[in-house]
């Protein structure tokens, strides 16, 4: 099976990067074809998508409003 592991950053020494690399190894050992998808790939190979950047305005808005009522979100978030 082809699997994409998606996060804004991989290949660094933060907790998420280390954990996602561990999952990649586990899944590959089970015979899966695993690829990282991120804005920052660090030392890893993968698919780079600039829209996943942590500091992009719409991503910042999502983070800020993650625990608020979604009716407060701008229409731009839904249409971009």
N, C-alpha and C. Protein backbone atom coordinates (compact mmCIF):
# COMPACT_ATOMS: atom_id res chain seq x y z
N UNK A 1 0.84 -1.17 0.00
CA UNK A 1 0.00 0.00 0.00
C UNK A 1 0.89 1.24 0.00
N UNK A 2 0.50 2.27 -0.72
CA UNK A 2 1.21 3.55 -0.71
C UNK A 2 0.63 4.42 0.40
N UNK A 3 1.51 4.96 1.23
CA UNK A 3 1.09 5.76 2.38
C UNK A 3 1.86 7.08 2.38
N UNK A 4 1.15 8.18 2.58
CA UNK A 4 1.78 9.48 2.73
C UNK A 4 1.65 9.95 4.16
N UNK A 5 2.77 10.29 4.78
CA UNK A 5 2.77 10.84 6.13
C UNK A 5 2.93 12.35 6.01
N UNK A 6 1.91 13.09 6.41
CA UNK A 6 1.82 14.52 6.16
C UNK A 6 1.96 15.32 7.46
N UNK A 7 2.85 16.30 7.42
CA UNK A 7 3.03 17.24 8.53
C UNK A 7 3.73 18.46 7.97
N UNK A 8 3.70 19.58 8.68
CA UNK A 8 4.35 20.77 8.12
C UNK A 8 5.87 20.64 8.14
N UNK A 9 6.41 19.77 9.01
CA UNK A 9 7.87 19.63 9.11
C UNK A 9 8.23 18.19 9.44
N UNK A 10 9.22 17.64 8.73
CA UNK A 10 9.79 16.33 9.05
C UNK A 10 11.31 16.43 8.94
N UNK A 11 12.00 15.40 9.40
CA UNK A 11 13.45 15.34 9.24
C UNK A 11 14.24 16.20 10.19
N UNK A 12 13.63 16.63 11.28
CA UNK A 12 14.32 17.45 12.28
C UNK A 12 14.42 16.65 13.58
N UNK A 13 14.75 17.31 14.68
CA UNK A 13 14.92 16.60 15.96
C UNK A 13 13.77 16.85 16.93
N UNK A 14 12.69 17.47 16.46
CA UNK A 14 11.52 17.68 17.33
C UNK A 14 10.77 16.36 17.50
N UNK A 15 9.89 16.32 18.47
CA UNK A 15 9.17 15.09 18.79
C UNK A 15 8.35 14.53 17.65
N UNK A 16 7.63 15.39 16.93
CA UNK A 16 6.79 14.91 15.83
C UNK A 16 7.65 14.34 14.71
N UNK A 17 8.75 15.02 14.37
CA UNK A 17 9.64 14.52 13.31
C UNK A 17 10.21 13.15 13.67
N UNK A 18 10.61 12.98 14.92
CA UNK A 18 11.16 11.70 15.35
C UNK A 18 10.10 10.60 15.33
N UNK A 19 8.91 10.92 15.78
CA UNK A 19 7.83 9.92 15.83
C UNK A 19 7.38 9.54 14.43
N UNK A 20 7.27 10.51 13.53
CA UNK A 20 6.80 10.23 12.18
C UNK A 20 7.83 9.37 11.43
N UNK A 21 9.13 9.60 11.73
CA UNK A 21 10.18 8.76 11.11
C UNK A 21 10.06 7.32 11.62
N UNK A 22 9.77 7.17 12.90
CA UNK A 22 9.59 5.84 13.49
C UNK A 22 8.44 5.11 12.81
N UNK A 23 7.31 5.82 12.59
CA UNK A 23 6.16 5.22 11.91
C UNK A 23 6.51 4.83 10.48
N UNK A 24 7.30 5.65 9.81
CA UNK A 24 7.72 5.33 8.44
C UNK A 24 8.48 4.01 8.41
N UNK A 25 9.40 3.85 9.35
CA UNK A 25 10.19 2.61 9.42
C UNK A 25 9.29 1.41 9.69
N UNK A 26 8.39 1.54 10.65
CA UNK A 26 7.47 0.45 10.99
C UNK A 26 6.63 0.05 9.77
N UNK A 27 6.06 1.03 9.09
CA UNK A 27 5.20 0.75 7.94
C UNK A 27 6.00 0.16 6.77
N UNK A 28 7.21 0.65 6.56
CA UNK A 28 8.05 0.08 5.49
C UNK A 28 8.43 -1.36 5.81
N UNK A 29 8.69 -1.66 7.07
CA UNK A 29 8.99 -3.04 7.48
C UNK A 29 7.81 -3.98 7.26
N UNK A 30 6.62 -3.42 7.19
CA UNK A 30 5.42 -4.21 6.89
C UNK A 30 5.17 -4.30 5.39
N UNK A 31 6.06 -3.72 4.59
CA UNK A 31 5.95 -3.82 3.14
C UNK A 31 5.27 -2.65 2.44
N UNK A 32 4.96 -1.60 3.17
CA UNK A 32 4.29 -0.45 2.57
C UNK A 32 5.30 0.50 1.91
N UNK A 33 4.84 1.24 0.93
CA UNK A 33 5.63 2.28 0.24
C UNK A 33 5.24 3.61 0.89
N UNK A 34 6.14 4.16 1.72
CA UNK A 34 5.80 5.31 2.56
C UNK A 34 6.59 6.55 2.12
N UNK A 35 5.89 7.68 2.03
CA UNK A 35 6.51 8.94 1.62
C UNK A 35 6.15 10.04 2.60
N UNK A 36 7.13 10.92 2.87
CA UNK A 36 6.87 12.11 3.66
C UNK A 36 6.32 13.20 2.76
N UNK A 37 5.38 13.97 3.28
CA UNK A 37 4.82 15.13 2.59
C UNK A 37 4.87 16.27 3.60
N UNK A 38 5.64 17.33 3.27
CA UNK A 38 5.83 18.42 4.22
C UNK A 38 6.30 19.68 3.51
N UNK A 39 6.24 20.79 4.22
CA UNK A 39 6.82 22.03 3.69
C UNK A 39 8.32 22.04 3.93
N UNK A 40 8.73 21.55 5.10
CA UNK A 40 10.15 21.46 5.44
C UNK A 40 10.50 19.99 5.60
N UNK A 41 11.44 19.52 4.79
CA UNK A 41 11.80 18.10 4.80
C UNK A 41 13.05 17.80 5.63
N UNK A 42 13.77 18.82 6.08
CA UNK A 42 14.97 18.58 6.87
C UNK A 42 15.93 17.67 6.14
N UNK A 43 16.32 16.58 6.78
CA UNK A 43 17.27 15.63 6.20
C UNK A 43 16.58 14.48 5.47
N UNK A 44 15.28 14.54 5.33
CA UNK A 44 14.53 13.45 4.71
C UNK A 44 14.20 13.74 3.25
N UNK A 45 13.99 12.70 2.50
CA UNK A 45 13.46 12.82 1.14
C UNK A 45 11.95 12.81 1.24
N UNK A 46 11.30 13.49 0.33
CA UNK A 46 9.85 13.49 0.34
C UNK A 46 9.30 14.49 -0.65
N UNK A 47 8.02 14.73 -0.52
CA UNK A 47 7.31 15.65 -1.40
C UNK A 47 7.15 16.97 -0.64
N UNK A 48 7.68 18.04 -1.23
CA UNK A 48 7.62 19.36 -0.59
C UNK A 48 6.43 20.14 -1.12
N UNK A 49 5.56 20.58 -0.20
CA UNK A 49 4.39 21.38 -0.55
C UNK A 49 4.46 22.67 0.27
N UNK A 50 4.72 23.76 -0.41
CA UNK A 50 4.91 25.05 0.27
C UNK A 50 3.67 25.51 1.03
N UNK A 51 2.49 25.12 0.60
CA UNK A 51 1.26 25.54 1.28
C UNK A 51 1.12 24.94 2.68
N UNK A 52 1.96 23.98 3.02
CA UNK A 52 1.93 23.40 4.36
C UNK A 52 2.75 24.19 5.36
N UNK A 53 3.36 25.30 4.93
CA UNK A 53 4.22 26.09 5.81
C UNK A 53 3.49 26.51 7.09
N UNK A 54 4.16 26.36 8.20
CA UNK A 54 3.59 26.66 9.51
C UNK A 54 3.15 28.11 9.62
N UNK A 55 3.87 29.02 8.98
CA UNK A 55 3.60 30.45 9.11
C UNK A 55 2.69 31.02 8.02
N UNK A 56 2.15 30.22 7.14
CA UNK A 56 1.22 30.73 6.13
C UNK A 56 0.02 31.34 6.85
N UNK A 57 -0.50 32.47 6.37
CA UNK A 57 -1.61 33.15 7.06
C UNK A 57 -2.82 32.24 7.32
N UNK A 58 -3.21 31.44 6.35
CA UNK A 58 -4.40 30.61 6.60
C UNK A 58 -4.10 29.51 7.61
N UNK A 59 -2.87 29.00 7.64
CA UNK A 59 -2.51 28.00 8.64
C UNK A 59 -2.46 28.62 10.03
N UNK A 60 -1.99 29.86 10.11
CA UNK A 60 -1.99 30.59 11.38
C UNK A 60 -3.42 30.77 11.88
N UNK A 61 -4.32 31.13 11.00
CA UNK A 61 -5.72 31.30 11.39
C UNK A 61 -6.32 29.99 11.87
N UNK A 62 -6.00 28.90 11.21
CA UNK A 62 -6.50 27.59 11.64
C UNK A 62 -6.00 27.27 13.04
N UNK A 63 -4.71 27.49 13.29
CA UNK A 63 -4.15 27.22 14.62
C UNK A 63 -4.80 28.09 15.69
N UNK A 64 -5.00 29.36 15.38
CA UNK A 64 -5.57 30.28 16.36
C UNK A 64 -7.02 29.93 16.68
N UNK A 65 -7.74 29.42 15.72
CA UNK A 65 -9.17 29.17 15.90
C UNK A 65 -9.50 27.69 16.12
N UNK A 66 -8.48 26.88 16.31
CA UNK A 66 -8.69 25.43 16.43
C UNK A 66 -9.67 25.05 17.54
N UNK A 67 -9.76 25.86 18.57
CA UNK A 67 -10.63 25.52 19.68
C UNK A 67 -11.79 26.49 19.83
N UNK A 68 -12.11 27.20 18.74
CA UNK A 68 -13.25 28.11 18.74
C UNK A 68 -14.36 27.55 17.87
N UNK A 69 -15.52 28.13 17.98
CA UNK A 69 -16.66 27.78 17.14
C UNK A 69 -16.31 28.07 15.69
N UNK A 70 -16.50 27.11 14.81
CA UNK A 70 -16.10 27.28 13.41
C UNK A 70 -16.93 28.34 12.68
N UNK A 71 -18.05 28.79 13.25
CA UNK A 71 -18.82 29.85 12.59
C UNK A 71 -18.07 31.17 12.62
N UNK A 72 -17.06 31.27 13.47
CA UNK A 72 -16.26 32.49 13.55
C UNK A 72 -15.16 32.53 12.49
N UNK A 73 -14.96 31.46 11.76
CA UNK A 73 -13.89 31.40 10.77
C UNK A 73 -14.27 32.23 9.55
N UNK A 74 -13.28 32.79 8.92
CA UNK A 74 -13.54 33.58 7.71
C UNK A 74 -13.90 32.65 6.56
N UNK A 75 -14.68 33.16 5.63
CA UNK A 75 -15.03 32.39 4.43
C UNK A 75 -13.79 32.05 3.61
N UNK A 76 -12.77 32.88 3.71
CA UNK A 76 -11.54 32.65 2.94
C UNK A 76 -10.91 31.30 3.30
N UNK A 77 -11.00 30.90 4.54
CA UNK A 77 -10.44 29.61 4.98
C UNK A 77 -11.10 28.47 4.22
N UNK A 78 -12.39 28.55 4.03
CA UNK A 78 -13.11 27.47 3.36
C UNK A 78 -12.93 27.50 1.85
N UNK A 79 -12.63 28.65 1.29
CA UNK A 79 -12.58 28.79 -0.17
C UNK A 79 -11.17 28.82 -0.73
N UNK A 80 -10.15 28.68 0.09
CA UNK A 80 -8.79 28.75 -0.42
C UNK A 80 -8.20 27.38 -0.65
